[in-house]
Amino acid sequence: MKILPTLVMFIFVVTVAAQDSSSYTTSEIIYGRKDGMALTFIKLTPKKNGKGKAILSLVSGNWISNFSMAGRYILKSIYLVNSGFTVFFIIHSSQPRYAINDEVEDIKRAVRFIRYNAKNYGVDAEHIGIAGSSSGGHLALVSALSDDKIKVNAIDPIDKNSSRIQAVAVFFPPTDFANWGGSKSNVDVVKLRKMVAGAFDFKTLSDSTGIYE
């Protein structure tokens, strides 16, 4: 049942990528690995009049992110690329397997990766912005406002870079979970909580048992 929508989205992304010869170039890059899978982002780079500034656009809805969702994010952001910004469409791990804290770590990894490779990407490492809508907006806020813990002794040189964000722009992010579905809300909270339950299923790896608890 999902094959046709996925195929349509794939064709759309390929069509967008085919426009490389006009005003920008497109590439998909692995920025990290988790549990045997690759974490990727799609980079759109303007061919001329580049501002040297990066915008991270979080591909996220209901704390779920995948390649098939990227097409509509790219379509809505072409004007940014045409305005000279280099835009990175970040695909992060998803609920129900991964919770919000896991997804935030992916996003911070993407920021560090882009900052580490800033010269290669033609962007200023000190001018990185982040944007998102819905769960992407929430993740953008958490990533931008949480502690910036640099691993000075990390083996991976990417982890020695800051995950600090210089600018944030979000659209309709959920922010007050304690009062979700108050008396003035028209949201079916019970249904919504079931849809996003995995995002709040926080687990920690136990040193004693070796399993997530």
N, C-alpha and C. Protein backbone atom coordinates (compact mmCIF):
# COMPACT_ATOMS: atom_id res chain seq x y z
N MET A 1 0.82 -1.21 0.00
CA MET A 1 0.00 0.00 0.00
C MET A 1 0.86 1.26 0.00
N LYS A 2 2.09 1.19 0.55
CA LYS A 2 2.93 2.36 0.67
C LYS A 2 3.89 2.52 -0.51
N ILE A 3 3.89 1.52 -1.41
CA ILE A 3 4.87 1.54 -2.50
C ILE A 3 4.64 2.72 -3.43
N LEU A 4 3.39 2.97 -3.82
CA LEU A 4 3.10 4.03 -4.78
C LEU A 4 3.45 5.42 -4.25
N PRO A 5 3.01 5.79 -3.01
CA PRO A 5 3.40 7.11 -2.50
C PRO A 5 4.91 7.28 -2.39
N THR A 6 5.59 6.21 -1.97
CA THR A 6 7.05 6.28 -1.84
C THR A 6 7.70 6.46 -3.21
N LEU A 7 7.16 5.75 -4.22
CA LEU A 7 7.70 5.85 -5.57
C LEU A 7 7.50 7.25 -6.13
N VAL A 8 6.32 7.81 -5.88
CA VAL A 8 6.02 9.16 -6.35
C VAL A 8 6.99 10.15 -5.72
N MET A 9 7.24 10.01 -4.40
CA MET A 9 8.15 10.92 -3.71
C MET A 9 9.57 10.76 -4.23
N PHE A 10 9.96 9.50 -4.50
CA PHE A 10 11.31 9.24 -5.02
C PHE A 10 11.48 9.92 -6.37
N ILE A 11 10.45 9.81 -7.24
CA ILE A 11 10.51 10.44 -8.55
C ILE A 11 10.62 11.95 -8.40
N PHE A 12 9.89 12.49 -7.40
CA PHE A 12 9.94 13.94 -7.17
C PHE A 12 11.34 14.37 -6.78
N VAL A 13 11.96 13.64 -5.84
CA VAL A 13 13.30 14.00 -5.39
C VAL A 13 14.30 13.90 -6.54
N VAL A 14 14.17 12.85 -7.36
CA VAL A 14 15.06 12.70 -8.51
C VAL A 14 14.87 13.86 -9.47
N THR A 15 13.59 14.29 -9.65
CA THR A 15 13.31 15.42 -10.53
C THR A 15 13.95 16.69 -10.02
N VAL A 16 13.85 16.91 -8.70
CA VAL A 16 14.48 18.08 -8.09
C VAL A 16 15.98 18.02 -8.28
N ALA A 17 16.55 16.82 -8.05
CA ALA A 17 18.00 16.66 -8.20
C ALA A 17 18.44 16.92 -9.63
N ALA A 18 17.55 16.62 -10.58
CA ALA A 18 17.89 16.80 -11.99
C ALA A 18 18.05 18.27 -12.35
N GLN A 19 17.58 19.15 -11.47
CA GLN A 19 17.70 20.58 -11.73
C GLN A 19 19.08 21.12 -11.36
N ASP A 20 20.00 20.23 -11.02
CA ASP A 20 21.34 20.64 -10.61
C ASP A 20 21.99 21.59 -11.61
N SER A 21 21.69 21.40 -12.89
CA SER A 21 22.36 22.18 -13.93
C SER A 21 21.86 23.62 -13.99
N SER A 22 20.81 23.94 -13.20
CA SER A 22 20.28 25.30 -13.25
C SER A 22 20.94 26.20 -12.21
N SER A 23 20.40 26.25 -10.98
CA SER A 23 20.90 27.22 -10.00
C SER A 23 21.57 26.62 -8.78
N TYR A 24 21.52 25.30 -8.62
CA TYR A 24 22.13 24.71 -7.44
C TYR A 24 22.53 23.25 -7.70
N THR A 25 23.35 22.71 -6.81
CA THR A 25 23.74 21.30 -6.89
C THR A 25 23.16 20.55 -5.70
N THR A 26 22.96 19.25 -5.88
CA THR A 26 22.36 18.42 -4.85
C THR A 26 23.25 17.22 -4.55
N SER A 27 23.37 16.88 -3.27
CA SER A 27 24.12 15.67 -2.90
C SER A 27 23.58 15.12 -1.59
N GLU A 28 23.62 13.81 -1.43
CA GLU A 28 23.23 13.17 -0.19
C GLU A 28 24.50 12.69 0.51
N ILE A 29 24.64 13.03 1.78
CA ILE A 29 25.88 12.78 2.52
C ILE A 29 25.59 12.07 3.83
N ILE A 30 26.42 11.10 4.17
CA ILE A 30 26.31 10.40 5.46
C ILE A 30 27.02 11.23 6.52
N TYR A 31 26.28 11.64 7.57
CA TYR A 31 26.90 12.44 8.62
C TYR A 31 27.16 11.64 9.90
N GLY A 32 26.71 10.40 9.92
CA GLY A 32 26.96 9.56 11.09
C GLY A 32 26.37 8.17 10.89
N ARG A 33 26.63 7.29 11.85
CA ARG A 33 26.08 5.94 11.80
C ARG A 33 25.54 5.58 13.17
N LYS A 34 24.44 4.82 13.18
CA LYS A 34 23.79 4.44 14.44
C LYS A 34 23.21 3.05 14.30
N ASP A 35 23.62 2.16 15.20
CA ASP A 35 23.09 0.78 15.21
C ASP A 35 23.12 0.14 13.83
N GLY A 36 24.22 0.37 13.11
CA GLY A 36 24.39 -0.28 11.81
C GLY A 36 23.74 0.42 10.65
N MET A 37 23.11 1.59 10.88
CA MET A 37 22.47 2.29 9.77
C MET A 37 23.11 3.66 9.60
N ALA A 38 22.97 4.20 8.39
CA ALA A 38 23.56 5.50 8.09
C ALA A 38 22.57 6.62 8.38
N LEU A 39 23.10 7.72 8.93
CA LEU A 39 22.33 8.95 9.10
C LEU A 39 22.75 9.89 7.99
N THR A 40 21.80 10.42 7.24
CA THR A 40 22.15 11.22 6.07
C THR A 40 21.46 12.58 6.06
N PHE A 41 22.03 13.49 5.28
CA PHE A 41 21.34 14.73 4.96
C PHE A 41 21.48 14.99 3.47
N ILE A 42 20.56 15.78 2.94
CA ILE A 42 20.60 16.19 1.54
C ILE A 42 21.05 17.64 1.51
N LYS A 43 22.12 17.92 0.76
CA LYS A 43 22.69 19.26 0.71
C LYS A 43 22.36 19.93 -0.62
N LEU A 44 21.77 21.11 -0.56
CA LEU A 44 21.53 21.92 -1.74
C LEU A 44 22.43 23.15 -1.68
N THR A 45 23.28 23.30 -2.68
CA THR A 45 24.26 24.38 -2.71
C THR A 45 24.00 25.30 -3.89
N PRO A 46 23.86 26.61 -3.64
CA PRO A 46 23.65 27.55 -4.76
C PRO A 46 24.90 27.62 -5.63
N LYS A 47 24.69 27.71 -6.94
CA LYS A 47 25.82 27.77 -7.86
C LYS A 47 26.43 29.16 -7.95
N LYS A 48 25.66 30.18 -7.60
CA LYS A 48 26.20 31.55 -7.67
C LYS A 48 25.55 32.39 -6.57
N ASN A 49 26.23 33.48 -6.23
CA ASN A 49 25.75 34.42 -5.23
C ASN A 49 25.53 33.76 -3.86
N GLY A 50 26.39 32.80 -3.54
CA GLY A 50 26.29 32.14 -2.25
C GLY A 50 26.61 33.07 -1.09
N LYS A 51 25.84 32.98 -0.02
CA LYS A 51 26.05 33.83 1.14
C LYS A 51 27.08 33.25 2.10
N GLY A 52 27.43 31.97 1.90
CA GLY A 52 28.37 31.34 2.82
C GLY A 52 27.74 31.02 4.16
N LYS A 53 26.42 30.91 4.21
CA LYS A 53 25.72 30.61 5.45
C LYS A 53 24.87 29.35 5.29
N ALA A 54 24.81 28.57 6.37
CA ALA A 54 24.13 27.27 6.32
C ALA A 54 22.81 27.32 7.08
N ILE A 55 21.81 26.66 6.51
CA ILE A 55 20.53 26.46 7.19
C ILE A 55 20.26 24.97 7.26
N LEU A 56 20.03 24.46 8.46
CA LEU A 56 19.65 23.07 8.64
C LEU A 56 18.13 22.99 8.69
N SER A 57 17.53 22.28 7.76
CA SER A 57 16.09 22.09 7.75
C SER A 57 15.79 20.66 8.21
N LEU A 58 15.07 20.53 9.32
CA LEU A 58 14.81 19.21 9.89
C LEU A 58 13.63 18.54 9.20
N VAL A 59 13.91 17.39 8.58
CA VAL A 59 12.87 16.60 7.93
C VAL A 59 12.19 15.79 9.02
N SER A 60 11.07 16.27 9.54
CA SER A 60 10.50 15.65 10.73
C SER A 60 9.01 15.92 10.85
N GLY A 61 8.25 14.88 11.18
CA GLY A 61 6.83 14.99 11.47
C GLY A 61 6.44 13.89 12.43
N ASN A 62 5.81 14.26 13.56
CA ASN A 62 5.48 13.27 14.60
C ASN A 62 6.73 12.57 15.12
N TRP A 63 7.86 13.27 15.08
CA TRP A 63 9.16 12.74 15.50
C TRP A 63 9.56 11.52 14.66
N ILE A 64 9.13 11.54 13.40
CA ILE A 64 9.49 10.53 12.41
C ILE A 64 10.18 11.23 11.25
N SER A 65 11.24 10.63 10.74
CA SER A 65 12.01 11.24 9.65
C SER A 65 12.47 10.16 8.69
N ASN A 66 12.28 10.40 7.39
CA ASN A 66 12.79 9.45 6.40
C ASN A 66 12.96 10.15 5.05
N PHE A 67 13.64 9.47 4.16
CA PHE A 67 14.00 10.04 2.86
C PHE A 67 12.77 10.39 2.03
N SER A 68 11.71 9.58 2.15
CA SER A 68 10.52 9.81 1.34
C SER A 68 9.82 11.11 1.69
N MET A 69 10.11 11.68 2.88
CA MET A 69 9.50 12.94 3.31
C MET A 69 10.26 14.15 2.77
N ALA A 70 11.49 13.94 2.33
CA ALA A 70 12.38 15.06 2.03
C ALA A 70 11.92 15.93 0.85
N GLY A 71 11.24 15.32 -0.11
CA GLY A 71 10.86 16.05 -1.32
C GLY A 71 10.07 17.32 -1.05
N ARG A 72 9.07 17.24 -0.16
CA ARG A 72 8.24 18.42 0.09
C ARG A 72 9.01 19.49 0.86
N TYR A 73 10.00 19.08 1.67
CA TYR A 73 10.82 20.06 2.38
C TYR A 73 11.72 20.78 1.39
N ILE A 74 12.26 20.04 0.44
CA ILE A 74 13.10 20.65 -0.58
C ILE A 74 12.30 21.65 -1.41
N LEU A 75 11.10 21.26 -1.79
CA LEU A 75 10.26 22.12 -2.62
C LEU A 75 9.99 23.46 -1.93
N LYS A 76 9.74 23.40 -0.62
CA LYS A 76 9.42 24.62 0.13
C LYS A 76 10.65 25.49 0.40
N SER A 77 11.83 24.93 0.19
CA SER A 77 13.06 25.66 0.55
C SER A 77 13.90 26.11 -0.63
N ILE A 78 13.41 25.87 -1.84
CA ILE A 78 14.18 26.26 -3.02
C ILE A 78 14.46 27.76 -3.01
N TYR A 79 13.51 28.55 -2.50
CA TYR A 79 13.72 30.00 -2.50
C TYR A 79 14.90 30.40 -1.62
N LEU A 80 15.18 29.61 -0.56
CA LEU A 80 16.33 29.89 0.29
C LEU A 80 17.63 29.65 -0.47
N VAL A 81 17.66 28.55 -1.21
CA VAL A 81 18.85 28.23 -2.01
C VAL A 81 19.05 29.29 -3.09
N ASN A 82 17.95 29.68 -3.73
CA ASN A 82 18.05 30.71 -4.77
C ASN A 82 18.44 32.06 -4.19
N SER A 83 18.27 32.22 -2.87
CA SER A 83 18.68 33.46 -2.20
C SER A 83 20.13 33.39 -1.72
N GLY A 84 20.80 32.25 -1.97
CA GLY A 84 22.22 32.15 -1.65
C GLY A 84 22.58 31.32 -0.44
N PHE A 85 21.58 30.75 0.23
CA PHE A 85 21.87 29.92 1.40
C PHE A 85 22.15 28.47 0.99
N THR A 86 23.07 27.83 1.69
CA THR A 86 23.29 26.39 1.52
C THR A 86 22.39 25.69 2.53
N VAL A 87 21.50 24.85 2.04
CA VAL A 87 20.49 24.22 2.91
C VAL A 87 20.77 22.73 3.05
N PHE A 88 20.76 22.28 4.29
CA PHE A 88 20.99 20.88 4.61
C PHE A 88 19.69 20.29 5.17
N PHE A 89 19.15 19.30 4.51
CA PHE A 89 17.91 18.67 4.95
C PHE A 89 18.27 17.44 5.79
N ILE A 90 18.10 17.58 7.10
CA ILE A 90 18.59 16.58 8.04
C ILE A 90 17.55 15.49 8.27
N ILE A 91 17.96 14.25 8.04
CA ILE A 91 17.11 13.09 8.32
C ILE A 91 17.64 12.43 9.59
N HIS A 92 16.82 12.39 10.62
CA HIS A 92 17.25 11.85 11.92
C HIS A 92 16.57 10.51 12.21
N SER A 93 16.99 9.84 13.26
CA SER A 93 16.34 8.58 13.65
C SER A 93 14.91 8.87 14.12
N SER A 94 14.07 7.84 14.18
CA SER A 94 12.64 8.06 14.38
C SER A 94 12.05 7.25 15.53
N GLN A 95 10.98 7.78 16.08
CA GLN A 95 10.17 7.02 17.01
C GLN A 95 9.34 6.00 16.18
N PRO A 96 8.96 4.85 16.71
CA PRO A 96 9.01 4.48 18.13
C PRO A 96 10.32 3.85 18.61
N ARG A 97 11.24 3.55 17.68
CA ARG A 97 12.49 2.91 18.11
C ARG A 97 13.35 3.89 18.90
N TYR A 98 13.38 5.15 18.47
CA TYR A 98 14.24 6.14 19.12
C TYR A 98 13.40 7.27 19.71
N ALA A 99 13.79 7.72 20.88
CA ALA A 99 13.07 8.79 21.58
C ALA A 99 13.65 10.15 21.23
N ILE A 100 13.04 11.19 21.78
CA ILE A 100 13.44 12.56 21.47
C ILE A 100 14.92 12.81 21.75
N ASN A 101 15.41 12.31 22.89
CA ASN A 101 16.82 12.55 23.22
C ASN A 101 17.75 11.94 22.19
N ASP A 102 17.37 10.79 21.61
CA ASP A 102 18.19 10.17 20.57
C ASP A 102 18.19 11.03 19.31
N GLU A 103 17.04 11.56 18.96
CA GLU A 103 16.91 12.37 17.76
C GLU A 103 17.69 13.68 17.90
N VAL A 104 17.67 14.26 19.09
CA VAL A 104 18.43 15.48 19.34
C VAL A 104 19.92 15.23 19.16
N GLU A 105 20.40 14.08 19.62
CA GLU A 105 21.82 13.74 19.46
C GLU A 105 22.18 13.62 17.99
N ASP A 106 21.26 13.09 17.17
CA ASP A 106 21.52 13.01 15.73
C ASP A 106 21.69 14.40 15.14
N ILE A 107 20.80 15.30 15.53
CA ILE A 107 20.82 16.66 14.99
C ILE A 107 22.11 17.37 15.41
N LYS A 108 22.50 17.19 16.66
CA LYS A 108 23.75 17.80 17.12
C LYS A 108 24.94 17.22 16.36
N ARG A 109 24.88 15.94 16.06
CA ARG A 109 25.94 15.32 15.26
C ARG A 109 26.00 15.96 13.87
N ALA A 110 24.82 16.22 13.29
CA ALA A 110 24.78 16.84 11.98
C ALA A 110 25.40 18.24 12.02
N VAL A 111 25.11 19.00 13.08
CA VAL A 111 25.69 20.34 13.23
C VAL A 111 27.20 20.26 13.32
N ARG A 112 27.69 19.33 14.14
CA ARG A 112 29.15 19.18 14.29
C ARG A 112 29.79 18.77 12.97
N PHE A 113 29.13 17.87 12.26
CA PHE A 113 29.66 17.38 10.99
C PHE A 113 29.75 18.52 9.98
N ILE A 114 28.71 19.33 9.91
CA ILE A 114 28.70 20.45 8.96
C ILE A 114 29.73 21.50 9.37
N ARG A 115 29.84 21.77 10.67
CA ARG A 115 30.84 22.75 11.14
C ARG A 115 32.25 22.24 10.83
N TYR A 116 32.50 20.96 11.02
CA TYR A 116 33.81 20.37 10.75
C TYR A 116 34.16 20.47 9.26
N ASN A 117 33.16 20.34 8.40
CA ASN A 117 33.37 20.36 6.95
C ASN A 117 32.97 21.70 6.32
N ALA A 118 32.87 22.73 7.14
CA ALA A 118 32.36 24.02 6.67
C ALA A 118 33.13 24.56 5.46
N LYS A 119 34.45 24.49 5.49
CA LYS A 119 35.25 25.03 4.38
C LYS A 119 34.96 24.26 3.09
N ASN A 120 34.85 22.94 3.21
CA ASN A 120 34.56 22.12 2.02
C ASN A 120 33.18 22.44 1.45
N TYR A 121 32.25 22.83 2.33
CA TYR A 121 30.89 23.13 1.89
C TYR A 121 30.71 24.60 1.52
N GLY A 122 31.75 25.41 1.71
CA GLY A 122 31.66 26.81 1.36
C GLY A 122 30.77 27.62 2.29
N VAL A 123 30.71 27.22 3.57
CA VAL A 123 29.88 27.95 4.53
C VAL A 123 30.73 28.38 5.72
N ASP A 124 30.26 29.40 6.42
CA ASP A 124 30.93 29.92 7.61
C ASP A 124 30.52 29.07 8.81
N ALA A 125 31.50 28.49 9.49
CA ALA A 125 31.22 27.61 10.63
C ALA A 125 30.52 28.34 11.77
N GLU A 126 30.59 29.67 11.77
CA GLU A 126 29.96 30.45 12.83
C GLU A 126 28.64 31.09 12.39
N HIS A 127 28.14 30.65 11.24
CA HIS A 127 26.83 31.14 10.77
C HIS A 127 25.99 29.93 10.34
N ILE A 128 25.51 29.20 11.32
CA ILE A 128 24.68 28.02 11.08
C ILE A 128 23.32 28.23 11.75
N GLY A 129 22.28 28.17 10.95
CA GLY A 129 20.93 28.30 11.48
C GLY A 129 20.17 26.99 11.37
N ILE A 130 19.06 26.88 12.08
CA ILE A 130 18.28 25.66 12.07
C ILE A 130 16.80 26.01 12.01
N ALA A 131 16.03 25.21 11.28
CA ALA A 131 14.60 25.48 11.13
C ALA A 131 13.83 24.16 11.13
N GLY A 132 12.58 24.23 11.55
CA GLY A 132 11.74 23.05 11.54
C GLY A 132 10.30 23.41 11.84
N SER A 133 9.40 22.51 11.50
CA SER A 133 7.98 22.71 11.78
C SER A 133 7.44 21.50 12.52
N SER A 134 6.44 21.71 13.35
CA SER A 134 5.84 20.65 14.15
C SER A 134 6.92 19.99 15.01
N SER A 135 7.09 18.67 14.92
CA SER A 135 8.12 18.02 15.73
C SER A 135 9.51 18.50 15.34
N GLY A 136 9.68 18.88 14.08
CA GLY A 136 10.96 19.45 13.65
C GLY A 136 11.25 20.77 14.33
N GLY A 137 10.19 21.56 14.56
CA GLY A 137 10.35 22.81 15.29
C GLY A 137 10.74 22.57 16.73
N HIS A 138 10.10 21.56 17.33
CA HIS A 138 10.43 21.19 18.72
C HIS A 138 11.88 20.74 18.83
N LEU A 139 12.30 19.86 17.92
CA LEU A 139 13.67 19.35 17.95
C LEU A 139 14.69 20.46 17.68
N ALA A 140 14.32 21.42 16.81
CA ALA A 140 15.20 22.55 16.54
C ALA A 140 15.42 23.38 17.80
N LEU A 141 14.33 23.62 18.54
CA LEU A 141 14.44 24.40 19.78
C LEU A 141 15.28 23.68 20.82
N VAL A 142 15.01 22.39 20.99
CA VAL A 142 15.76 21.62 22.00
C VAL A 142 17.24 21.56 21.63
N SER A 143 17.53 21.33 20.36
CA SER A 143 18.92 21.24 19.92
C SER A 143 19.65 22.57 20.11
N ALA A 144 18.94 23.66 19.84
CA ALA A 144 19.58 24.98 19.92
C ALA A 144 19.75 25.47 21.35
N LEU A 145 18.85 25.05 22.24
CA LEU A 145 18.86 25.60 23.60
C LEU A 145 19.47 24.67 24.64
N SER A 146 19.79 23.45 24.26
CA SER A 146 20.37 22.51 25.22
C SER A 146 21.87 22.73 25.37
N ASP A 147 22.46 22.06 26.34
CA ASP A 147 23.89 22.22 26.62
C ASP A 147 24.74 21.83 25.41
N ASP A 148 25.81 22.58 25.24
CA ASP A 148 26.76 22.29 24.17
C ASP A 148 27.98 21.62 24.79
N LYS A 149 27.94 20.30 24.89
CA LYS A 149 29.02 19.57 25.54
C LYS A 149 30.01 19.06 24.49
N ILE A 150 31.17 19.68 24.42
CA ILE A 150 32.18 19.29 23.45
C ILE A 150 33.05 18.19 24.04
N LYS A 151 33.23 17.13 23.29
CA LYS A 151 34.05 16.00 23.74
C LYS A 151 35.51 16.27 23.36
N VAL A 152 36.22 16.92 24.24
CA VAL A 152 37.59 17.35 23.95
C VAL A 152 38.50 16.16 23.65
N ASN A 153 38.29 15.05 24.34
CA ASN A 153 39.15 13.88 24.17
C ASN A 153 38.57 12.84 23.21
N ALA A 154 37.58 13.23 22.42
CA ALA A 154 36.94 12.28 21.50
C ALA A 154 37.92 11.78 20.45
N ILE A 155 37.76 10.52 20.08
CA ILE A 155 38.59 9.93 19.02
C ILE A 155 38.19 10.50 17.66
N ASP A 156 36.88 10.64 17.47
CA ASP A 156 36.36 11.19 16.22
C ASP A 156 36.54 12.71 16.24
N PRO A 157 37.30 13.28 15.31
CA PRO A 157 37.54 14.73 15.31
C PRO A 157 36.27 15.56 15.16
N ILE A 158 35.23 14.97 14.56
CA ILE A 158 33.96 15.69 14.39
C ILE A 158 33.33 15.99 15.74
N ASP A 159 33.47 15.07 16.69
CA ASP A 159 32.89 15.25 18.02
C ASP A 159 33.59 16.32 18.84
N LYS A 160 34.73 16.80 18.36
CA LYS A 160 35.45 17.86 19.07
C LYS A 160 34.93 19.25 18.69
N ASN A 161 33.94 19.28 17.79
CA ASN A 161 33.37 20.54 17.35
C ASN A 161 32.11 20.88 18.13
N SER A 162 31.80 22.17 18.17
CA SER A 162 30.61 22.65 18.88
C SER A 162 29.34 22.32 18.09
N SER A 163 28.26 22.08 18.83
CA SER A 163 26.95 21.88 18.20
C SER A 163 26.08 23.13 18.37
N ARG A 164 26.72 24.26 18.70
CA ARG A 164 26.00 25.50 18.95
C ARG A 164 25.38 26.04 17.66
N ILE A 165 24.13 26.52 17.76
CA ILE A 165 23.40 27.09 16.65
C ILE A 165 23.36 28.61 16.80
N GLN A 166 23.48 29.34 15.69
CA GLN A 166 23.49 30.80 15.76
C GLN A 166 22.11 31.44 15.51
N ALA A 167 21.22 30.70 14.90
CA ALA A 167 19.88 31.25 14.62
C ALA A 167 18.87 30.12 14.55
N VAL A 168 17.65 30.39 15.02
CA VAL A 168 16.59 29.38 15.03
C VAL A 168 15.30 29.99 14.49
N ALA A 169 14.63 29.27 13.60
CA ALA A 169 13.31 29.69 13.10
C ALA A 169 12.41 28.46 13.10
N VAL A 170 11.31 28.51 13.84
CA VAL A 170 10.43 27.35 13.95
C VAL A 170 8.99 27.72 13.65
N PHE A 171 8.23 26.72 13.24
CA PHE A 171 6.83 26.91 12.90
C PHE A 171 5.97 25.87 13.64
N PHE A 172 4.96 26.34 14.32
CA PHE A 172 4.00 25.55 15.12
C PHE A 172 4.62 24.35 15.84
N PRO A 173 5.67 24.59 16.66
CA PRO A 173 6.25 23.48 17.42
C PRO A 173 5.45 23.21 18.69
N PRO A 174 5.30 21.95 19.09
CA PRO A 174 4.73 21.66 20.41
C PRO A 174 5.76 22.03 21.47
N THR A 175 5.34 22.76 22.50
CA THR A 175 6.28 23.21 23.52
C THR A 175 5.81 22.94 24.94
N ASP A 176 4.49 22.81 25.16
CA ASP A 176 3.96 22.66 26.51
C ASP A 176 3.26 21.31 26.63
N PHE A 177 4.05 20.27 26.83
CA PHE A 177 3.48 18.92 26.87
C PHE A 177 2.66 18.67 28.13
N ALA A 178 2.97 19.39 29.19
CA ALA A 178 2.24 19.20 30.45
C ALA A 178 0.77 19.59 30.32
N ASN A 179 0.50 20.53 29.41
CA ASN A 179 -0.87 21.02 29.25
C ASN A 179 -1.44 20.72 27.87
N TRP A 180 -0.90 19.69 27.24
CA TRP A 180 -1.39 19.29 25.92
C TRP A 180 -2.87 18.94 26.01
N GLY A 181 -3.66 19.50 25.10
CA GLY A 181 -5.07 19.14 25.06
C GLY A 181 -5.86 19.75 26.20
N GLY A 182 -5.58 21.01 26.55
CA GLY A 182 -6.33 21.68 27.60
C GLY A 182 -7.77 21.90 27.20
N SER A 183 -8.52 22.60 28.04
CA SER A 183 -9.95 22.77 27.82
C SER A 183 -10.27 23.50 26.53
N LYS A 184 -9.34 24.33 26.04
CA LYS A 184 -9.58 25.10 24.83
C LYS A 184 -9.03 24.42 23.58
N SER A 185 -8.50 23.24 23.73
CA SER A 185 -7.89 22.54 22.61
C SER A 185 -8.91 21.70 21.86
N ASN A 186 -8.77 21.64 20.55
CA ASN A 186 -9.64 20.78 19.74
C ASN A 186 -8.88 19.53 19.27
N VAL A 187 -7.76 19.25 19.93
CA VAL A 187 -6.93 18.10 19.57
C VAL A 187 -7.42 16.85 20.28
N ASP A 188 -7.48 15.73 19.55
CA ASP A 188 -7.80 14.44 20.16
C ASP A 188 -6.52 13.95 20.84
N VAL A 189 -6.37 14.32 22.11
CA VAL A 189 -5.11 14.08 22.82
C VAL A 189 -4.82 12.59 22.97
N VAL A 190 -5.85 11.80 23.24
CA VAL A 190 -5.65 10.35 23.41
C VAL A 190 -5.07 9.74 22.15
N LYS A 191 -5.64 10.09 21.01
CA LYS A 191 -5.16 9.58 19.73
C LYS A 191 -3.75 10.10 19.44
N LEU A 192 -3.54 11.39 19.72
CA LEU A 192 -2.24 12.00 19.46
C LEU A 192 -1.14 11.36 20.30
N ARG A 193 -1.43 11.11 21.57
CA ARG A 193 -0.43 10.52 22.46
C ARG A 193 -0.04 9.12 22.01
N LYS A 194 -0.99 8.36 21.46
CA LYS A 194 -0.68 7.04 20.95
C LYS A 194 0.24 7.14 19.73
N MET A 195 0.02 8.17 18.91
CA MET A 195 0.81 8.34 17.70
C MET A 195 2.27 8.67 18.00
N VAL A 196 2.49 9.40 19.10
CA VAL A 196 3.84 9.89 19.39
C VAL A 196 4.45 9.26 20.64
N ALA A 197 3.82 8.21 21.15
CA ALA A 197 4.27 7.61 22.41
C ALA A 197 5.73 7.21 22.39
N GLY A 198 6.19 6.67 21.26
CA GLY A 198 7.57 6.21 21.17
C GLY A 198 8.58 7.33 21.36
N ALA A 199 8.20 8.56 20.98
CA ALA A 199 9.12 9.70 21.10
C ALA A 199 9.42 10.02 22.56
N PHE A 200 8.52 9.62 23.46
CA PHE A 200 8.68 9.94 24.88
C PHE A 200 9.07 8.71 25.70
N ASP A 201 9.39 7.63 25.02
CA ASP A 201 9.77 6.38 25.69
C ASP A 201 11.28 6.40 25.93
N PHE A 202 11.70 7.23 26.89
CA PHE A 202 13.13 7.42 27.14
C PHE A 202 13.74 6.18 27.81
N LYS A 203 14.86 5.75 27.27
CA LYS A 203 15.56 4.59 27.82
C LYS A 203 17.05 4.90 27.92
N THR A 204 17.69 4.24 28.87
CA THR A 204 19.12 4.43 29.09
C THR A 204 19.81 3.08 29.08
N LEU A 205 20.97 3.01 28.45
CA LEU A 205 21.74 1.77 28.41
C LEU A 205 22.32 1.50 29.78
N SER A 206 21.99 0.36 30.34
CA SER A 206 22.47 -0.02 31.68
C SER A 206 23.87 -0.62 31.58
N ASP A 207 24.79 -0.10 32.39
CA ASP A 207 26.15 -0.63 32.40
C ASP A 207 26.18 -2.04 32.98
N SER A 208 25.26 -2.34 33.89
CA SER A 208 25.28 -3.64 34.56
C SER A 208 24.64 -4.75 33.74
N THR A 209 23.56 -4.42 33.02
CA THR A 209 22.84 -5.45 32.25
C THR A 209 23.16 -5.43 30.79
N GLY A 210 23.65 -4.27 30.30
CA GLY A 210 23.96 -4.16 28.88
C GLY A 210 22.73 -4.01 27.98
N ILE A 211 21.57 -3.70 28.57
CA ILE A 211 20.34 -3.51 27.79
C ILE A 211 19.75 -2.13 28.11
N TYR A 212 18.85 -1.70 27.25
CA TYR A 212 18.20 -0.39 27.45
C TYR A 212 17.04 -0.56 28.44
N GLU A 213 17.02 0.28 29.43
CA GLU A 213 15.98 0.21 30.46
C GLU A 213 15.27 1.55 30.58
